[in-house]
Protein backbone atom coordinates (compact mmCIF):
# COMPACT_ATOMS: atom_id res chain seq x y z
CA MET A 1 86.69 -58.32 230.08
CA THR A 2 83.72 -59.86 228.29
CA SER A 3 84.66 -62.89 226.20
CA ILE A 4 83.03 -62.84 222.78
CA ALA A 5 82.65 -66.07 220.84
CA PRO A 6 84.03 -65.87 217.29
CA LEU A 7 81.74 -66.02 214.29
CA ILE A 8 82.34 -69.28 212.45
CA SER A 9 80.24 -70.30 209.46
CA PRO A 10 79.29 -74.02 209.57
CA SER A 11 79.41 -74.30 205.77
CA ALA A 12 81.61 -71.82 203.92
CA GLY A 13 81.10 -70.77 200.32
CA GLN A 14 77.41 -71.64 200.16
CA VAL A 15 76.61 -69.04 197.50
CA SER A 16 79.24 -70.02 194.94
CA GLN A 17 78.59 -73.74 195.36
CA ASP A 18 74.83 -73.60 194.79
CA VAL A 19 73.70 -73.05 191.20
CA GLU A 20 70.55 -71.05 191.92
CA ALA A 21 72.17 -68.99 194.68
CA ALA A 22 75.13 -68.26 192.41
CA LYS A 23 72.86 -67.13 189.58
CA ALA A 24 70.92 -64.84 191.92
CA ALA A 25 74.11 -63.37 193.38
CA LEU A 26 75.67 -62.74 189.97
CA GLU A 27 72.48 -61.09 188.77
CA SER A 28 72.51 -58.85 191.84
CA LEU A 29 76.16 -57.90 191.32
CA MET A 30 75.63 -57.11 187.65
CA ALA A 31 72.38 -55.20 188.26
CA ILE A 32 74.12 -52.92 190.75
CA ARG A 33 77.12 -52.37 188.47
CA PHE A 34 75.09 -51.72 185.29
CA PHE A 35 72.55 -49.53 187.10
CA GLU A 36 75.24 -47.32 188.57
CA GLU A 37 77.22 -47.11 185.35
CA ALA A 38 73.99 -46.04 183.65
CA VAL A 39 73.15 -43.30 186.14
CA ASP A 40 76.75 -42.13 186.00
CA GLY A 41 76.34 -41.69 182.25
CA LEU A 42 72.94 -40.01 182.54
CA PHE A 43 74.36 -37.53 185.04
CA ALA A 44 77.31 -36.75 182.79
CA ARG A 45 74.91 -36.03 179.91
CA GLY A 46 72.85 -33.63 182.01
CA LEU A 47 69.81 -35.92 182.06
CA MET A 48 69.96 -36.50 185.82
CA HIS A 49 70.35 -33.77 188.41
CA GLY A 50 71.38 -33.25 192.03
CA THR A 51 74.21 -35.51 193.11
CA MET A 52 74.84 -39.17 193.71
CA HIS A 53 77.24 -41.46 195.51
CA LEU A 54 78.23 -44.58 193.58
CA SER A 55 79.19 -47.92 195.10
CA ILE A 56 80.95 -49.33 192.03
CA GLY A 57 83.51 -51.76 193.46
CA GLN A 58 81.51 -52.45 196.63
CA GLU A 59 78.75 -54.64 195.15
CA ALA A 60 79.69 -57.81 197.04
CA VAL A 61 78.71 -56.35 200.42
CA ALA A 62 75.05 -55.68 199.65
CA THR A 63 74.76 -58.85 197.57
CA GLY A 64 76.35 -61.13 200.15
CA VAL A 65 74.41 -59.74 203.10
CA CYS A 66 71.01 -59.62 201.41
CA ALA A 67 71.46 -63.20 200.18
CA ALA A 68 71.28 -64.20 203.85
CA LEU A 69 68.00 -62.35 204.46
CA ARG A 70 64.33 -63.14 204.00
CA ARG A 71 61.99 -60.79 202.19
CA THR A 72 60.33 -60.04 205.57
CA ASP A 73 63.63 -58.84 207.06
CA PHE A 74 64.46 -55.15 207.03
CA ILE A 75 67.39 -52.94 206.09
CA THR A 76 68.37 -49.33 206.56
CA SER A 77 70.64 -47.75 204.01
CA THR A 78 72.92 -44.77 203.38
CA HIS A 79 73.55 -41.94 200.94
CA ARG A 80 75.51 -44.58 198.96
CA GLY A 81 72.55 -46.91 198.90
CA HIS A 82 71.70 -48.03 195.34
CA SER A 83 73.37 -51.38 195.96
CA HIS A 84 71.40 -52.14 199.12
CA CYS A 85 68.11 -51.24 197.44
CA ILE A 86 68.79 -53.47 194.42
CA ALA A 87 70.16 -56.40 196.43
CA LYS A 88 67.05 -56.37 198.64
CA GLY A 89 64.85 -56.78 195.57
CA ALA A 90 63.87 -53.32 194.33
CA ASP A 91 62.34 -52.77 190.90
CA LEU A 92 64.96 -51.19 188.63
CA THR A 93 62.43 -49.10 186.69
CA ARG A 94 60.98 -47.53 189.83
CA MET A 95 64.50 -46.86 191.11
CA MET A 96 65.52 -45.21 187.85
CA ALA A 97 62.31 -43.20 187.83
CA GLU A 98 63.07 -41.92 191.31
CA LEU A 99 66.51 -40.71 190.27
CA LEU A 100 64.99 -39.03 187.20
CA ALA A 101 62.40 -37.21 189.39
CA LYS A 102 59.47 -39.07 187.88
CA GLN A 103 56.01 -39.55 189.36
CA THR A 104 56.40 -43.34 189.10
CA GLY A 105 59.51 -43.40 191.28
CA TYR A 106 59.55 -45.08 194.67
CA CYS A 107 59.05 -41.73 196.42
CA ARG A 108 57.36 -40.04 193.44
CA GLY A 109 60.61 -38.33 192.55
CA ARG A 110 60.91 -36.53 195.87
CA GLY A 111 63.69 -38.62 197.42
CA GLY A 112 66.13 -38.93 194.57
CA SER A 113 69.36 -40.91 194.85
CA MET A 114 69.91 -40.49 198.60
CA HIS A 115 66.42 -41.12 199.95
CA ILE A 116 64.91 -44.17 198.26
CA ALA A 117 62.65 -46.35 200.41
CA ASP A 118 60.81 -49.54 199.48
CA VAL A 119 58.82 -50.85 202.42
CA GLU A 120 57.45 -53.76 200.36
CA THR A 121 60.91 -55.35 200.17
CA GLY A 122 61.84 -54.30 203.71
CA ASN A 123 63.99 -51.32 202.74
CA LEU A 124 63.19 -48.71 205.39
CA GLY A 125 65.08 -46.09 203.45
CA ALA A 126 68.39 -44.57 202.49
CA ASN A 127 69.55 -41.65 204.58
CA GLY A 128 71.59 -38.60 203.66
CA ILE A 129 72.69 -38.13 207.28
CA VAL A 130 75.91 -39.98 208.09
CA ALA A 131 75.04 -42.70 210.66
CA GLY A 132 71.38 -41.63 210.46
CA GLY A 133 70.12 -45.12 209.62
CA ILE A 134 71.88 -46.89 212.48
CA PRO A 135 69.54 -45.87 215.34
CA ILE A 136 66.58 -46.33 212.99
CA ALA A 137 67.67 -49.94 212.51
CA ALA A 138 67.95 -50.42 216.26
CA GLY A 139 64.43 -49.02 216.68
CA ALA A 140 63.06 -51.27 213.96
CA ALA A 141 64.74 -54.25 215.61
CA LEU A 142 63.17 -53.31 218.94
CA ALA A 143 59.78 -53.19 217.23
CA GLN A 144 60.27 -56.69 215.79
CA LYS A 145 61.28 -58.02 219.19
CA MET A 146 58.28 -56.44 220.90
CA LYS A 147 55.96 -57.88 218.24
CA GLY A 148 57.41 -61.35 218.78
CA THR A 149 58.57 -61.93 215.20
CA ASP A 150 61.83 -63.56 214.21
CA ASN A 151 62.58 -60.92 211.58
CA VAL A 152 65.97 -59.24 211.70
CA VAL A 153 67.19 -55.79 210.68
CA VAL A 154 70.44 -54.97 208.88
CA SER A 155 71.98 -51.52 209.09
CA PHE A 156 74.44 -50.63 206.31
CA PHE A 157 76.84 -47.74 206.91
CA GLY A 158 80.34 -46.57 206.02
CA ASP A 159 83.51 -46.31 208.05
CA GLY A 160 82.94 -42.60 208.61
CA ALA A 161 79.70 -43.33 210.43
CA THR A 162 81.52 -45.27 213.14
CA ASN A 163 82.95 -42.03 214.54
CA GLU A 164 79.49 -40.53 214.98
CA GLY A 165 77.68 -40.56 218.32
CA ALA A 166 74.62 -42.23 216.78
CA PHE A 167 76.72 -45.31 215.99
CA HIS A 168 77.85 -45.79 219.59
CA GLU A 169 74.48 -45.04 221.13
CA ALA A 170 72.68 -47.47 218.82
CA LEU A 171 75.19 -50.28 219.37
CA ASN A 172 74.99 -49.83 223.13
CA LEU A 173 71.18 -50.02 223.18
CA ALA A 174 71.18 -52.98 220.78
CA ALA A 175 73.54 -54.82 223.13
CA ILE A 176 71.60 -54.00 226.30
CA TRP A 177 68.32 -55.19 224.80
CA ASP A 178 69.72 -58.09 222.73
CA LEU A 179 68.13 -56.67 219.61
CA PRO A 180 67.92 -58.71 216.38
CA VAL A 181 70.07 -56.32 214.37
CA ILE A 182 73.20 -56.78 212.28
CA PHE A 183 75.45 -53.75 211.87
CA VAL A 184 77.30 -53.90 208.53
CA CYS A 185 80.16 -51.47 208.03
CA GLU A 186 81.30 -50.99 204.44
CA ASN A 187 84.86 -49.91 205.15
CA ASN A 188 86.06 -48.43 201.85
CA LYS A 189 88.98 -46.71 203.62
CA TYR A 190 87.73 -43.16 203.17
CA GLY A 191 85.16 -40.96 204.87
CA MET A 192 84.75 -38.49 202.01
CA SER A 193 88.44 -37.65 201.46
CA ASN A 194 89.68 -38.56 204.94
CA SER A 195 91.54 -41.86 205.22
CA THR A 196 90.70 -44.19 208.10
CA GLU A 197 94.43 -44.10 208.90
CA PHE A 198 93.91 -40.58 210.20
CA SER A 199 90.44 -40.91 211.71
CA MET A 200 90.85 -43.84 214.11
CA LYS A 201 93.56 -45.58 216.14
CA ILE A 202 92.29 -49.16 215.90
CA ASP A 203 93.25 -51.48 213.08
CA GLN A 204 89.78 -52.94 212.60
CA ILE A 205 86.43 -51.28 213.21
CA SER A 206 85.00 -54.66 214.22
CA GLU A 207 87.07 -54.41 217.43
CA ARG A 208 84.57 -51.86 218.70
CA ALA A 209 81.87 -54.50 219.09
CA ALA A 210 83.66 -56.09 222.05
CA SER A 211 83.30 -52.92 224.10
CA TYR A 212 79.52 -53.33 223.87
CA GLY A 213 79.56 -57.06 224.61
CA PHE A 214 78.73 -58.67 221.29
CA PRO A 215 80.69 -60.27 218.41
CA GLY A 216 82.50 -58.33 215.72
CA VAL A 217 84.19 -59.76 212.65
CA THR A 218 86.17 -58.35 209.72
CA VAL A 219 85.80 -59.99 206.32
CA ASP A 220 86.93 -59.45 202.74
CA GLY A 221 84.15 -57.20 201.48
CA ASN A 222 84.98 -57.99 197.85
CA ASP A 223 84.28 -61.69 198.35
CA VAL A 224 80.58 -62.56 198.07
CA ASP A 225 81.02 -65.86 199.90
CA ALA A 226 82.98 -64.34 202.79
CA VAL A 227 80.36 -61.63 203.28
CA HIS A 228 77.46 -64.07 203.01
CA ASP A 229 78.99 -66.60 205.38
CA ALA A 230 79.50 -63.97 208.09
CA ALA A 231 76.03 -62.50 207.50
CA LYS A 232 74.37 -65.92 207.66
CA VAL A 233 75.85 -66.67 211.07
CA ALA A 234 74.96 -63.20 212.37
CA VAL A 235 71.39 -63.45 211.04
CA GLU A 236 70.86 -66.87 212.61
CA ARG A 237 72.23 -65.55 215.90
CA ALA A 238 69.85 -62.59 215.81
CA ARG A 239 66.83 -64.78 214.98
CA LEU A 240 67.59 -66.92 218.02
CA GLY A 241 67.41 -63.85 220.26
CA GLN A 242 71.14 -63.79 220.92
CA GLY A 243 71.56 -60.14 220.01
CA PRO A 244 73.51 -58.01 217.52
CA THR A 245 76.69 -58.51 215.52
CA LEU A 246 79.04 -56.03 213.88
CA ILE A 247 80.41 -57.09 210.48
CA GLU A 248 83.17 -54.99 208.94
CA CYS A 249 83.52 -55.52 205.19
CA MET A 250 86.82 -54.32 203.74
CA THR A 251 86.13 -52.92 200.29
CA TYR A 252 86.86 -49.96 198.02
CA ARG A 253 84.90 -47.57 195.83
CA HIS A 254 86.31 -47.11 192.35
CA LYS A 255 84.71 -43.69 191.93
CA GLY A 256 85.04 -40.56 194.04
CA HIS A 257 82.95 -39.83 197.11
CA SER A 258 80.30 -38.06 195.02
CA LYS A 259 79.93 -36.51 191.60
CA SER A 260 81.91 -33.42 192.65
CA ASP A 261 84.86 -35.43 193.98
CA LYS A 262 88.00 -35.08 191.83
CA ASN A 263 89.85 -37.85 193.67
CA LEU A 264 92.89 -35.72 194.44
CA TYR A 265 93.53 -37.51 197.74
CA ARG A 266 94.06 -40.96 196.17
CA THR A 267 96.80 -42.15 193.84
CA LYS A 268 96.07 -43.79 190.51
CA ASP A 269 98.17 -46.76 191.62
CA GLU A 270 95.98 -47.28 194.68
CA ILE A 271 92.79 -47.17 192.63
CA GLU A 272 94.14 -49.50 189.94
CA ASN A 273 95.42 -51.94 192.55
CA TRP A 274 91.96 -52.22 194.10
CA LYS A 275 90.37 -52.66 190.68
CA THR A 276 92.36 -55.89 190.35
CA LYS A 277 90.31 -57.11 193.34
CA ASP A 278 87.00 -56.28 191.63
CA PRO A 279 84.27 -58.38 193.30
CA ILE A 280 82.44 -59.25 190.08
CA GLY A 281 85.44 -60.65 188.23
CA ARG A 282 86.49 -62.57 191.33
CA PHE A 283 83.04 -64.12 191.74
CA GLU A 284 82.83 -65.11 188.07
CA ASN A 285 86.27 -66.75 188.27
CA THR A 286 85.25 -68.65 191.41
CA LEU A 287 82.06 -69.94 189.79
CA MET A 288 83.95 -71.23 186.75
CA GLU A 289 86.74 -72.77 188.84
CA LEU A 290 84.17 -74.65 190.93
CA GLY A 291 82.16 -75.63 187.86
CA THR A 292 79.02 -74.05 189.31
CA LEU A 293 78.43 -72.00 186.14
CA ASP A 294 80.18 -71.98 182.78
CA GLN A 295 81.06 -68.98 180.61
CA ASP A 296 77.91 -69.27 178.49
CA GLN A 297 75.70 -69.24 181.58
CA ILE A 298 77.55 -66.22 182.98
CA ASP A 299 77.29 -64.38 179.67
CA ALA A 300 73.54 -65.06 179.55
CA ILE A 301 73.06 -63.56 183.02
CA VAL A 302 75.18 -60.55 182.12
CA GLU A 303 73.15 -59.86 178.97
CA LYS A 304 69.84 -60.42 180.77
CA THR A 305 70.80 -57.94 183.46
CA ARG A 306 72.17 -55.39 181.01
CA GLU A 307 68.91 -55.52 179.08
CA ALA A 308 66.92 -55.08 182.32
CA VAL A 309 68.80 -51.86 183.04
CA ARG A 310 68.26 -50.63 179.47
CA THR A 311 64.54 -51.30 179.85
CA ALA A 312 64.50 -49.46 183.19
CA ILE A 313 66.05 -46.38 181.57
CA THR A 314 63.56 -46.41 178.68
CA GLU A 315 60.47 -46.94 180.82
CA ALA A 316 61.54 -44.45 183.49
CA SER A 317 62.39 -41.78 180.92
CA GLU A 318 58.92 -42.08 179.39
CA ALA A 319 57.15 -41.70 182.74
CA PRO A 320 55.53 -38.38 183.70
CA ASP A 321 57.60 -35.87 185.65
CA SER A 322 56.82 -35.30 189.32
CA ASP A 323 54.23 -32.57 189.76
CA PRO A 324 55.55 -29.61 191.79
CA ALA A 325 51.98 -28.82 192.79
CA GLU A 326 51.94 -32.04 194.84
CA LEU A 327 55.19 -31.28 196.65
CA LEU A 328 53.57 -31.01 200.08
CA SER A 329 51.05 -33.83 199.63
CA SER A 330 53.21 -36.36 201.49
CA VAL A 331 54.39 -34.03 204.25
CA TYR A 332 52.85 -34.35 207.69
CA ARG A 333 51.08 -31.15 208.65
CA GLU A 334 49.20 -30.56 211.87
CA VAL A 335 45.84 -28.96 211.25
CA ARG A 336 44.54 -26.92 214.13
CA LYS A 337 40.99 -25.65 214.37
């Protein structure tokens, strides 16, 4: 059996103990929460169409991981990807415009909620196919290795994706080639309505990493510091050419799988119990207990972020609608003579 060294952070709690890092993390958490609450409201009022998958309750995963990355690093995302996009530095107005099918959106209104990409910040795109972004991340990591950079790639995905063939194929190749990729599983306990208790025999998804010969670790996905500490070690390992890591973040979505989900498979007690572990409240309490930020500083960040989301809604709503006549302008078409 291959012996895998455990992931141990040399300095735990770096985010909550550093004033500037704490401010940035809190702003990220609040931006994700306010953005998603806003789009939830717009959808309910009939001002936004299609569907969407909210990550309210899971904000600490994207925030903690992306805090360990450089701007030149890359990510691949999922159908539940607003949080990853925001945490990696996306512009809120362009994101909102994309969801409102506006010409000024990241993909000119063509991608919508499930297919936002922002190459400038290293976001290679959300993906509506379960596990679809995992092999893309492995390919991007191979490209970085072949180019001789020390950039890393993070692949975000849910627990349901770990039962797809693409997950296993990508992890195997990443291990064989020692690729600079970090696989981040947001285990929110449900693949659509199917509990992980019925979809897998193992207790922790991170155990699967050992079968491919690289480290796996399970952390509290509602704790920004715990997520960041694990991500920091994994990122440093990848930059040194030591290969991939699998990080399983235990978390929970407060809302249903998508807008059509009536949540009939979960009890109210279960949902309310997880809400007591809300990552934003926990992080705020930690910051005040440590003396890193006081209540006035926290309130200022909350109001600043809330206003940024309000501005994004106003500016995006005033932007021109996507032009149907240009629908095929960004589609590759082979022209034969």
